[in-house]
Protein backbone atom coordinates (compact mmCIF):
# COMPACT_ATOMS: atom_id res chain seq x y z
CA UNK A 1 0.00 0.00 0.00
CA UNK A 2 1.66 3.28 -1.05
CA UNK A 3 2.00 5.76 1.81
CA UNK A 4 1.91 9.54 1.35
CA UNK A 5 2.92 12.19 3.88
CA UNK A 6 1.29 15.59 3.29
CA UNK A 7 3.53 18.10 5.07
CA UNK A 8 2.25 21.64 5.21
CA UNK A 9 0.78 24.52 7.15
CA UNK A 10 -2.73 25.53 8.22
CA UNK A 11 -4.22 24.72 4.83
CA UNK A 12 -3.02 21.15 5.22
CA UNK A 13 -4.27 21.17 8.82
CA UNK A 14 -7.65 22.25 7.43
CA UNK A 15 -8.21 25.72 8.91
CA UNK A 16 -11.79 26.84 8.20
CA UNK A 17 -11.74 30.63 7.59
CA UNK A 18 -15.48 31.14 8.01
CA UNK A 19 -15.91 29.17 11.23
CA UNK A 20 -12.66 30.47 12.69
CA UNK A 21 -13.73 34.07 12.08
CA UNK A 22 -16.45 33.72 14.72
CA UNK A 23 -14.57 31.41 17.10
CA UNK A 24 -12.02 32.21 19.83
CA UNK A 25 -9.89 29.28 18.60
CA UNK A 26 -9.04 27.94 15.13
CA UNK A 27 -11.66 25.58 13.69
CA UNK A 28 -10.85 22.75 11.26
CA UNK A 29 -12.83 21.60 8.29
CA UNK A 30 -14.07 18.02 8.79
CA UNK A 31 -11.55 15.37 7.77
CA UNK A 32 -13.38 14.46 4.59
CA UNK A 33 -13.54 18.10 3.50
CA UNK A 34 -9.81 18.83 3.85
CA UNK A 35 -7.77 18.43 0.67
CA UNK A 36 -5.92 15.55 2.31
CA UNK A 37 -9.24 13.77 2.87
CA UNK A 38 -10.35 14.52 -0.69
CA UNK A 39 -7.03 13.11 -1.93
CA UNK A 40 -7.45 9.94 0.13
CA UNK A 41 -11.01 9.41 -1.09
CA UNK A 42 -10.01 9.97 -4.71
CA UNK A 43 -7.12 7.51 -4.52
CA UNK A 44 -9.19 4.83 -2.79
CA UNK A 45 -8.57 2.19 -0.16
CA UNK A 46 -5.25 1.01 -1.57
CA UNK A 47 -3.49 4.15 -0.36
CA UNK A 48 -2.46 5.59 3.01
CA UNK A 49 -2.58 9.39 3.25
CA UNK A 50 -1.15 11.09 6.35
CA UNK A 51 -2.06 14.74 6.91
CA UNK A 52 0.70 16.59 8.79
CA UNK A 53 -0.32 20.24 8.78
CA UNK A 54 0.39 22.85 11.45
CA UNK A 55 -0.93 26.39 11.78
CA UNK A 56 1.82 28.93 11.18
CA UNK A 57 4.43 26.43 9.95
CA UNK A 58 7.25 27.89 7.84
CA UNK A 59 9.85 26.20 5.68
CA UNK A 60 12.90 26.98 7.83
CA UNK A 61 12.17 30.19 9.74
CA UNK A 62 11.80 30.51 13.51
CA UNK A 63 8.84 32.66 14.53
CA UNK A 64 9.75 34.40 17.81
CA UNK A 65 6.08 34.86 18.68
CA UNK A 66 5.01 31.28 17.83
CA UNK A 67 7.83 28.81 18.58
CA UNK A 68 7.82 25.30 17.19
CA UNK A 69 6.68 26.24 13.68
CA UNK A 70 9.96 25.61 11.86
CA UNK A 71 9.30 22.95 9.22
CA UNK A 72 12.91 21.85 9.07
CA UNK A 73 12.83 20.96 12.77
CA UNK A 74 9.52 19.09 12.55
CA UNK A 75 9.93 17.21 9.29
CA UNK A 76 12.42 14.54 10.48
CA UNK A 77 10.00 13.51 13.23
CA UNK A 78 7.19 12.89 10.75
CA UNK A 79 9.47 11.10 8.29
CA UNK A 80 10.66 8.76 11.01
CA UNK A 81 7.21 8.26 12.53
CA UNK A 82 5.38 7.32 9.34
CA UNK A 83 8.11 5.53 7.36
CA UNK A 84 8.21 3.77 5.03
CA UNK A 85 6.82 6.56 2.84
CA UNK A 86 6.52 6.38 -0.92
CA UNK A 87 5.82 10.08 -1.38
CA UNK A 88 6.08 13.36 0.53
CA UNK A 89 3.81 16.18 -0.67
CA UNK A 90 5.44 19.41 0.47
CA UNK A 91 3.34 22.60 0.48
CA UNK A 92 4.86 25.39 2.56
CA UNK A 93 5.80 29.02 2.04
CA UNK A 94 2.74 31.13 2.80
CA UNK A 95 3.80 31.89 6.37
CA UNK A 96 7.30 32.72 5.14
CA UNK A 97 5.72 35.79 3.52
CA UNK A 98 5.26 37.48 6.91
CA UNK A 99 7.12 40.75 7.21
CA UNK A 100 8.92 39.53 10.32
CA UNK A 101 11.04 37.19 8.15
CA UNK A 102 11.90 39.73 5.42
CA UNK A 103 12.14 36.82 2.97
CA UNK A 104 11.99 37.39 -0.81
CA UNK A 105 10.54 34.59 -2.97
CA UNK A 106 13.99 33.18 -3.76
CA UNK A 107 14.79 32.75 -0.07
CA UNK A 108 11.43 31.07 0.56
CA UNK A 109 12.09 28.68 -2.31
CA UNK A 110 15.54 27.99 -0.88
CA UNK A 111 13.84 26.99 2.37
CA UNK A 112 11.68 24.53 0.44
CA UNK A 113 14.80 23.22 -1.27
CA UNK A 114 16.44 22.49 2.08
CA UNK A 115 13.42 20.42 3.08
CA UNK A 116 13.60 18.44 -0.16
CA UNK A 117 17.27 17.69 0.50
CA UNK A 118 16.39 16.57 4.01
CA UNK A 119 13.78 14.16 2.62
CA UNK A 120 16.28 12.85 0.09
CA UNK A 121 18.74 11.98 2.87
CA UNK A 122 16.17 10.62 5.31
CA UNK A 123 16.14 6.94 4.28
CA UNK A 124 12.42 7.04 5.13
CA UNK A 125 11.26 5.42 1.91
CA UNK A 126 10.72 1.71 1.23
CA UNK A 127 13.75 -0.36 2.09
CA UNK A 128 15.65 2.64 3.42
CA UNK A 129 15.49 4.53 0.15
CA UNK A 130 14.34 8.14 -0.21
CA UNK A 131 10.66 8.90 -0.78
CA UNK A 132 9.62 10.70 -3.92
CA UNK A 133 8.78 14.38 -3.46
CA UNK A 134 5.94 16.43 -4.92
CA UNK A 135 6.74 20.11 -4.36
CA UNK A 136 3.60 22.24 -4.38
CA UNK A 137 3.84 26.00 -4.81
CA UNK A 138 1.35 27.56 -2.38
CA UNK A 139 -1.55 29.68 -3.66
CA UNK A 140 -1.59 33.44 -3.97
CA UNK A 141 -1.88 35.05 -0.54
CA UNK A 142 -4.21 37.98 0.02
CA UNK A 143 -4.77 40.65 -1.04
CA UNK A 144 -5.05 42.09 2.44
CA UNK A 145 -6.21 45.63 1.65
CA UNK A 146 -9.50 45.06 3.51
CA UNK A 147 -7.79 43.31 6.45
CA UNK A 148 -5.69 45.89 8.34
CA UNK A 149 -4.25 43.50 10.93
CA UNK A 150 -3.14 40.93 8.36
CA UNK A 151 -1.92 43.70 6.07
CA UNK A 152 0.50 44.71 8.80
CA UNK A 153 1.67 41.12 9.28
CA UNK A 154 2.14 40.34 5.60
CA UNK A 155 2.93 43.75 4.09
CA UNK A 156 3.65 43.13 0.40
CA UNK A 157 3.01 39.41 0.86
CA UNK A 158 0.40 39.32 -1.88
CA UNK A 159 2.80 40.67 -4.50
CA UNK A 160 5.60 38.40 -3.31
CA UNK A 161 3.33 35.35 -3.38
CA UNK A 162 2.71 35.95 -7.09
CA UNK A 163 6.42 35.44 -7.67
CA UNK A 164 6.63 32.13 -5.83
CA UNK A 165 5.89 29.86 -8.84
CA UNK A 166 8.86 31.36 -10.68
CA UNK A 167 11.06 30.58 -7.69
CA UNK A 168 9.68 27.13 -6.84
CA UNK A 169 9.69 25.59 -10.32
CA UNK A 170 13.48 25.91 -10.77
CA UNK A 171 13.97 24.26 -7.37
CA UNK A 172 11.93 21.26 -8.52
CA UNK A 173 13.84 21.13 -11.79
CA UNK A 174 17.25 21.40 -10.14
CA UNK A 175 16.51 18.79 -7.49
CA UNK A 176 14.66 16.44 -9.83
CA UNK A 177 11.35 16.28 -7.98
CA UNK A 178 7.80 16.59 -9.25
CA UNK A 179 6.07 19.96 -9.15
CA UNK A 180 2.52 21.28 -8.91
CA UNK A 181 1.62 24.98 -8.96
CA UNK A 182 -1.48 25.51 -6.81
CA UNK A 183 -1.98 29.10 -7.95
CA UNK A 184 -3.95 28.34 -11.15
CA UNK A 185 -6.02 25.76 -9.27
CA UNK A 186 -7.24 27.39 -6.05
CA UNK A 187 -7.83 30.77 -4.46
CA UNK A 188 -7.82 31.74 -0.81
CA UNK A 189 -10.91 32.95 1.01
CA UNK A 190 -11.53 36.72 1.04
CA UNK A 191 -12.44 36.30 4.72
CA UNK A 192 -8.75 36.20 5.64
CA UNK A 193 -6.77 35.90 2.40
CA UNK A 194 -4.93 32.88 3.78
CA UNK A 195 -7.16 29.81 3.91
CA UNK A 196 -9.30 27.54 1.74
CA UNK A 197 -13.05 27.20 1.96
CA UNK A 198 -14.55 23.76 1.38
CA UNK A 199 -14.88 24.19 -2.38
CA UNK A 200 -11.20 25.08 -2.76
CA UNK A 201 -10.15 22.09 -0.65
CA UNK A 202 -12.03 19.87 -3.06
CA UNK A 203 -10.39 21.45 -6.09
CA UNK A 204 -6.93 21.07 -4.63
CA UNK A 205 -7.51 17.52 -3.40
CA UNK A 206 -8.70 16.44 -6.84
CA UNK A 207 -5.71 18.10 -8.50
CA UNK A 208 -3.38 16.40 -6.04
CA UNK A 209 -4.95 13.04 -6.82
CA UNK A 210 -4.40 13.56 -10.55
CA UNK A 211 -0.77 14.50 -9.90
CA UNK A 212 -0.18 11.52 -7.61
CA UNK A 213 -1.69 9.05 -10.08
CA UNK A 214 0.84 10.28 -12.64
CA UNK A 215 3.78 9.36 -10.41
CA UNK A 216 3.37 5.56 -10.79
CA UNK A 217 3.82 4.82 -7.11
CA UNK A 218 2.06 1.48 -7.31
């Protein structure tokens, strides 16, 4: 049974922008609504899909206000916990757009590249090999013009997010991993400019399933 680890941020965790807007704590979409659940349902019972999302997770940056969100620190734990893994789907970079990190798109893509190299040296695939990697460029963030608090946190994050595909694709080419650009597929909710509603989760999950089927994992 092929096993897939989906390693990402709050959109992999399943943050519901509408429900969370009226709740004192973050609210998740139901498991079957999240793109990871849509992916699992589309692939069928012969697959194992592990959702490993965390709110606020970055590629490699340490957030001084929210410790424990560094993807490079967390990824080895998940690789070791769920091995053997046939595929790691990596979708991170949105939180790297925060002004506190001062990271241009090239630096964010370099963070993703370091995670790919970590996976390649993890021996967490079948028989101690390396899992395949599907690098996913995150969707456009924002705009935040109507959201003053988030506008302060992300500054020019919307404009920088538009440049991420041009930075991520060369990383995938150089490191020889598969690539999916989420930006033509899904859009983020105008409620917060950061998260998927249920319809967008379905679109992304279906696109992920199509991409995974093309990898010949089984």
